[in-house]
Structure formats: structure tokens, C-alpha cells
Amino acid sequence: MLEQGIYTQKALAEKLGVNPSTVTRLLKGQRKSARLERQIAEILDIAENGDESAKK
């Protein structure tokens, strides 16, 4: 979804209530947060493992 331009990292950060750098670190695997990963999966309507087809 981020790759498709539906959300920017900044917009996703705002929706999550975190700093954009936090989203960057999550996406790069430099930071782990099960709570934020669940929230991102819900916002982007994908499974937590990144499989978009799993939620459709």
C-alpha cells in the first residue's frame, strides 16, 4: 500500500500518532512493535505478515 502511493510514511505516522521516523524504522526492521505492526496491518487492510490477499 505504501508502494502503491495510497499512504505516505508521514500520513501513516499521523494516523498512528507517532513520529514519521518511527514508521521508517519499523519498515526497515530497525524497530519492533507488535502494537504498531497490528495497527499498520489494520490501516492498510493487510495481514500482519504482509499478505494483502489474506484480508480480502
PDB file of N, CA and C in Angstrom:
ATOM      1  N   MET A   1       0.818  -1.191   0.000  1.00  0.00           N
ATOM      2  CA  MET A   1       0.000   0.000   0.000  1.00  0.00           C
ATOM      3  C   MET A   1       0.866   1.261   0.000  1.00  0.00           C
ATOM      4  N   LEU A   2       1.950   1.239   0.761  1.00  0.00           N
ATOM      5  CA  LEU A   2       2.846   2.390   0.719  1.00  0.00           C
ATOM      6  C   LEU A   2       3.487   2.488  -0.655  1.00  0.00           C
ATOM      7  N   GLU A   3       3.875   1.322  -1.215  1.00  0.00           N
ATOM      8  CA  GLU A   3       4.498   1.315  -2.532  1.00  0.00           C
ATOM      9  C   GLU A   3       3.533   1.820  -3.594  1.00  0.00           C
ATOM     10  N   GLN A   4       2.238   1.578  -3.403  1.00  0.00           N
ATOM     11  CA  GLN A   4       1.225   1.963  -4.379  1.00  0.00           C
ATOM     12  C   GLN A   4       0.821   3.427  -4.246  1.00  0.00           C
ATOM     13  N   GLY A   5       1.373   4.114  -3.262  1.00  0.00           N
ATOM     14  CA  GLY A   5       1.095   5.533  -3.102  1.00  0.00           C
ATOM     15  C   GLY A   5      -0.212   5.855  -2.400  1.00  0.00           C
ATOM     16  N   ILE A   6      -0.839   4.846  -1.797  1.00  0.00           N
ATOM     17  CA  ILE A   6      -2.095   5.092  -1.091  1.00  0.00           C
ATOM     18  C   ILE A   6      -1.826   5.855   0.204  1.00  0.00           C
ATOM     19  N   TYR A   7      -0.747   5.508   0.879  1.00  0.00           N
ATOM     20  CA  TYR A   7      -0.337   6.200   2.099  1.00  0.00           C
ATOM     21  C   TYR A   7       1.122   6.591   1.967  1.00  0.00           C
ATOM     22  N   THR A   8       1.451   7.772   2.462  1.00  0.00           N
ATOM     23  CA  THR A   8       2.855   8.128   2.620  1.00  0.00           C
ATOM     24  C   THR A   8       3.265   7.715   4.027  1.00  0.00           C
ATOM     25  N   GLN A   9       4.553   7.640   4.270  1.00  0.00           N
ATOM     26  CA  GLN A   9       5.006   7.318   5.620  1.00  0.00           C
ATOM     27  C   GLN A   9       4.541   8.392   6.595  1.00  0.00           C
ATOM     28  N   LYS A  10       4.532   9.645   6.150  1.00  0.00           N
ATOM     29  CA  LYS A  10       4.090  10.741   7.016  1.00  0.00           C
ATOM     30  C   LYS A  10       2.611  10.586   7.363  1.00  0.00           C
ATOM     31  N   ALA A  11       1.780  10.275   6.369  1.00  0.00           N
ATOM     32  CA  ALA A  11       0.344  10.109   6.617  1.00  0.00           C
ATOM     33  C   ALA A  11       0.089   8.920   7.534  1.00  0.00           C
ATOM     34  N   LEU A  12       0.826   7.840   7.320  1.00  0.00           N
ATOM     35  CA  LEU A  12       0.681   6.666   8.170  1.00  0.00           C
ATOM     36  C   LEU A  12       1.091   7.000   9.599  1.00  0.00           C
ATOM     37  N   ALA A  13       2.176   7.746   9.759  1.00  0.00           N
ATOM     38  CA  ALA A  13       2.635   8.149  11.091  1.00  0.00           C
ATOM     39  C   ALA A  13       1.576   8.990  11.794  1.00  0.00           C
ATOM     40  N   GLU A  14       0.972   9.916  11.064  1.00  0.00           N
ATOM     41  CA  GLU A  14      -0.076  10.754  11.654  1.00  0.00           C
ATOM     42  C   GLU A  14      -1.255   9.901  12.110  1.00  0.00           C
ATOM     43  N   LYS A  15      -1.646   8.938  11.295  1.00  0.00           N
ATOM     44  CA  LYS A  15      -2.767   8.070  11.640  1.00  0.00           C
ATOM     45  C   LYS A  15      -2.451   7.217  12.869  1.00  0.00           C
ATOM     46  N   LEU A  16      -1.183   6.829  13.005  1.00  0.00           N
ATOM     47  CA  LEU A  16      -0.748   6.024  14.147  1.00  0.00           C
ATOM     48  C   LEU A  16      -0.469   6.867  15.385  1.00  0.00           C
ATOM     49  N   GLY A  17      -0.279   8.163  15.186  1.00  0.00           N
ATOM     50  CA  GLY A  17       0.056   9.038  16.303  1.00  0.00           C
ATOM     51  C   GLY A  17       1.511   8.926  16.718  1.00  0.00           C
ATOM     52  N   VAL A  18       2.381   8.643  15.742  1.00  0.00           N
ATOM     53  CA  VAL A  18       3.811   8.525  16.029  1.00  0.00           C
ATOM     54  C   VAL A  18       4.595   9.423  15.087  1.00  0.00           C
ATOM     55  N   ASN A  19       5.877   9.551  15.360  1.00  0.00           N
ATOM     56  CA  ASN A  19       6.773  10.331  14.524  1.00  0.00           C
ATOM     57  C   ASN A  19       7.042   9.574  13.222  1.00  0.00           C
ATOM     58  N   PRO A  20       7.146  10.262  12.090  1.00  0.00           N
ATOM     59  CA  PRO A  20       7.456   9.573  10.826  1.00  0.00           C
ATOM     60  C   PRO A  20       8.725   8.720  10.887  1.00  0.00           C
ATOM     61  N   SER A  21       9.698   9.136  11.684  1.00  0.00           N
ATOM     62  CA  SER A  21      10.925   8.338  11.792  1.00  0.00           C
ATOM     63  C   SER A  21      10.647   6.977  12.434  1.00  0.00           C
ATOM     64  N   THR A  22       9.636   6.903  13.288  1.00  0.00           N
ATOM     65  CA  THR A  22       9.252   5.626  13.887  1.00  0.00           C
ATOM     66  C   THR A  22       8.735   4.682  12.808  1.00  0.00           C
ATOM     67  N   VAL A  23       7.921   5.201  11.899  1.00  0.00           N
ATOM     68  CA  VAL A  23       7.403   4.386  10.792  1.00  0.00           C
ATOM     69  C   VAL A  23       8.560   3.920   9.915  1.00  0.00           C
ATOM     70  N   THR A  24       9.491   4.806   9.634  1.00  0.00           N
ATOM     71  CA  THR A  24      10.653   4.444   8.824  1.00  0.00           C
ATOM     72  C   THR A  24      11.419   3.300   9.466  1.00  0.00           C
ATOM     73  N   ARG A  25      11.676   3.405  10.773  1.00  0.00           N
ATOM     74  CA  ARG A  25      12.422   2.350  11.474  1.00  0.00           C
ATOM     75  C   ARG A  25      11.648   1.036  11.490  1.00  0.00           C
ATOM     76  N   LEU A  26      10.319   1.103  11.640  1.00  0.00           N
ATOM     77  CA  LEU A  26       9.502  -0.114  11.594  1.00  0.00           C
ATOM     78  C   LEU A  26       9.606  -0.789  10.230  1.00  0.00           C
ATOM     79  N   LEU A  27       9.485   0.003   9.176  1.00  0.00           N
ATOM     80  CA  LEU A  27       9.513  -0.551   7.822  1.00  0.00           C
ATOM     81  C   LEU A  27      10.878  -1.119   7.452  1.00  0.00           C
ATOM     82  N   LYS A  28      11.931  -0.562   8.040  1.00  0.00           N
ATOM     83  CA  LYS A  28      13.287  -1.059   7.781  1.00  0.00           C
ATOM     84  C   LYS A  28      13.649  -2.223   8.696  1.00  0.00           C
ATOM     85  N   GLY A  29      12.771  -2.540   9.644  1.00  0.00           N
ATOM     86  CA  GLY A  29      13.047  -3.625  10.574  1.00  0.00           C
ATOM     87  C   GLY A  29      13.989  -3.244  11.695  1.00  0.00           C
ATOM     88  N   GLN A  30      14.226  -1.953  11.869  1.00  0.00           N
ATOM     89  CA  GLN A  30      15.136  -1.478  12.908  1.00  0.00           C
ATOM     90  C   GLN A  30      14.438  -1.324  14.255  1.00  0.00           C
ATOM     91  N   ARG A  31      13.126  -1.376  14.244  1.00  0.00           N
ATOM     92  CA  ARG A  31      12.347  -1.235  15.474  1.00  0.00           C
ATOM     93  C   ARG A  31      11.211  -2.231  15.404  1.00  0.00           C
ATOM     94  N   LYS A  32      10.922  -2.878  16.516  1.00  0.00           N
ATOM     95  CA  LYS A  32       9.822  -3.832  16.572  1.00  0.00           C
ATOM     96  C   LYS A  32       8.766  -3.322  17.543  1.00  0.00           C
ATOM     97  N   SER A  33       7.528  -3.385  17.116  1.00  0.00           N
ATOM     98  CA  SER A  33       6.412  -3.036  17.983  1.00  0.00           C
ATOM     99  C   SER A  33       5.196  -3.809  17.492  1.00  0.00           C
ATOM    100  N   ALA A  34       4.828  -4.836  18.233  1.00  0.00           N
ATOM    101  CA  ALA A  34       3.676  -5.653  17.838  1.00  0.00           C
ATOM    102  C   ALA A  34       2.420  -4.795  17.741  1.00  0.00           C
ATOM    103  N   ARG A  35       2.265  -3.851  18.657  1.00  0.00           N
ATOM    104  CA  ARG A  35       1.078  -2.991  18.653  1.00  0.00           C
ATOM    105  C   ARG A  35       1.026  -2.151  17.381  1.00  0.00           C
ATOM    106  N   LEU A  36       2.132  -1.502  17.045  1.00  0.00           N
ATOM    107  CA  LEU A  36       2.151  -0.672  15.843  1.00  0.00           C
ATOM    108  C   LEU A  36       2.027  -1.516  14.580  1.00  0.00           C
ATOM    109  N   GLU A  37       2.638  -2.696  14.575  1.00  0.00           N
ATOM    110  CA  GLU A  37       2.522  -3.572  13.411  1.00  0.00           C
ATOM    111  C   GLU A  37       1.070  -3.992  13.198  1.00  0.00           C
ATOM    112  N   ARG A  38       0.344  -4.277  14.285  1.00  0.00           N
ATOM    113  CA  ARG A  38      -1.089  -4.615  14.172  1.00  0.00           C
ATOM    114  C   ARG A  38      -1.877  -3.430  13.640  1.00  0.00           C
ATOM    115  N   GLN A  39      -1.581  -2.243  14.165  1.00  0.00           N
ATOM    116  CA  GLN A  39      -2.293  -1.047  13.714  1.00  0.00           C
ATOM    117  C   GLN A  39      -2.031  -0.771  12.235  1.00  0.00           C
ATOM    118  N   ILE A  40      -0.794  -0.923  11.799  1.00  0.00           N
ATOM    119  CA  ILE A  40      -0.461  -0.709  10.394  1.00  0.00           C
ATOM    120  C   ILE A  40      -1.207  -1.714   9.531  1.00  0.00           C
ATOM    121  N   ALA A  41      -1.226  -2.969   9.957  1.00  0.00           N
ATOM    122  CA  ALA A  41      -1.934  -4.002   9.199  1.00  0.00           C
ATOM    123  C   ALA A  41      -3.416  -3.657   9.073  1.00  0.00           C
ATOM    124  N   GLU A  42      -4.018  -3.163  10.151  1.00  0.00           N
ATOM    125  CA  GLU A  42      -5.428  -2.771  10.106  1.00  0.00           C
ATOM    126  C   GLU A  42      -5.643  -1.587   9.171  1.00  0.00           C
ATOM    127  N   ILE A  43      -4.808  -0.585   9.282  1.00  0.00           N
ATOM    128  CA  ILE A  43      -4.944   0.617   8.452  1.00  0.00           C
ATOM    129  C   ILE A  43      -4.798   0.274   6.974  1.00  0.00           C
ATOM    130  N   LEU A  44      -3.807  -0.561   6.658  1.00  0.00           N
ATOM    131  CA  LEU A  44      -3.539  -0.902   5.263  1.00  0.00           C
ATOM    132  C   LEU A  44      -4.380  -2.081   4.781  1.00  0.00           C
ATOM    133  N   ASP A  45      -5.174  -2.650   5.693  1.00  0.00           N
ATOM    134  CA  ASP A  45      -6.051  -3.776   5.380  1.00  0.00           C
ATOM    135  C   ASP A  45      -5.266  -4.961   4.813  1.00  0.00           C
ATOM    136  N   ILE A  46      -4.201  -5.315   5.526  1.00  0.00           N
ATOM    137  CA  ILE A  46      -3.398  -6.474   5.148  1.00  0.00           C
ATOM    138  C   ILE A  46      -3.158  -7.329   6.380  1.00  0.00           C
ATOM    139  N   ALA A  47      -2.785  -8.571   6.161  1.00  0.00           N
ATOM    140  CA  ALA A  47      -2.404  -9.440   7.263  1.00  0.00           C
ATOM    141  C   ALA A  47      -1.070  -8.947   7.811  1.00  0.00           C
ATOM    142  N   GLU A  48      -0.796  -9.247   9.074  1.00  0.00           N
ATOM    143  CA  GLU A  48       0.442  -8.769   9.689  1.00  0.00           C
ATOM    144  C   GLU A  48       1.687  -9.317   9.009  1.00  0.00           C
ATOM    145  N   ASN A  49       1.567 -10.425   8.297  1.00  0.00           N
ATOM    146  CA  ASN A  49       2.723 -10.971   7.587  1.00  0.00           C
ATOM    147  C   ASN A  49       2.931 -10.293   6.242  1.00  0.00           C
ATOM    148  N   GLY A  50       2.087  -9.304   5.911  1.00  0.00           N
ATOM    149  CA  GLY A  50       2.238  -8.552   4.677  1.00  0.00           C
ATOM    150  C   GLY A  50       1.456  -9.099   3.505  1.00  0.00           C
ATOM    151  N   ASP A  51       0.703 -10.166   3.714  1.00  0.00           N
ATOM    152  CA  ASP A  51      -0.065 -10.786   2.636  1.00  0.00           C
ATOM    153  C   ASP A  51      -1.388 -10.056   2.454  1.00  0.00           C
ATOM    154  N   GLU A  52      -1.463  -9.219   1.419  1.00  0.00           N
ATOM    155  CA  GLU A  52      -2.672  -8.434   1.177  1.00  0.00           C
ATOM    156  C   GLU A  52      -3.869  -9.317   0.874  1.00  0.00           C
ATOM    157  N   SER A  53      -3.665 -10.466   0.259  1.00  0.00           N
ATOM    158  CA  SER A  53      -4.778 -11.328  -0.116  1.00  0.00           C
ATOM    159  C   SER A  53      -5.421 -11.998   1.092  1.00  0.00           C
ATOM    160  N   ALA A  54      -4.717 -12.070   2.204  1.00  0.00           N
ATOM    161  CA  ALA A  54      -5.235 -12.748   3.386  1.00  0.00           C
ATOM    162  C   ALA A  54      -6.401 -12.007   4.016  1.00  0.00           C
ATOM    163  N   LYS A  55      -6.509 -10.713   3.809  1.00  0.00           N
ATOM    164  CA  LYS A  55      -7.563  -9.920   4.440  1.00  0.00           C
ATOM    165  C   LYS A  55      -8.744  -9.671   3.516  1.00  0.00           C
ATOM    166  N   LYS A  56      -8.650 -10.048   2.271  1.00  0.00           N
ATOM    167  CA  LYS A  56      -9.697  -9.734   1.302  1.00  0.00           C
ATOM    168  C   LYS A  56     -10.768 -10.771   1.288  1.00  0.00           C
TER     169      LYS A  56
END
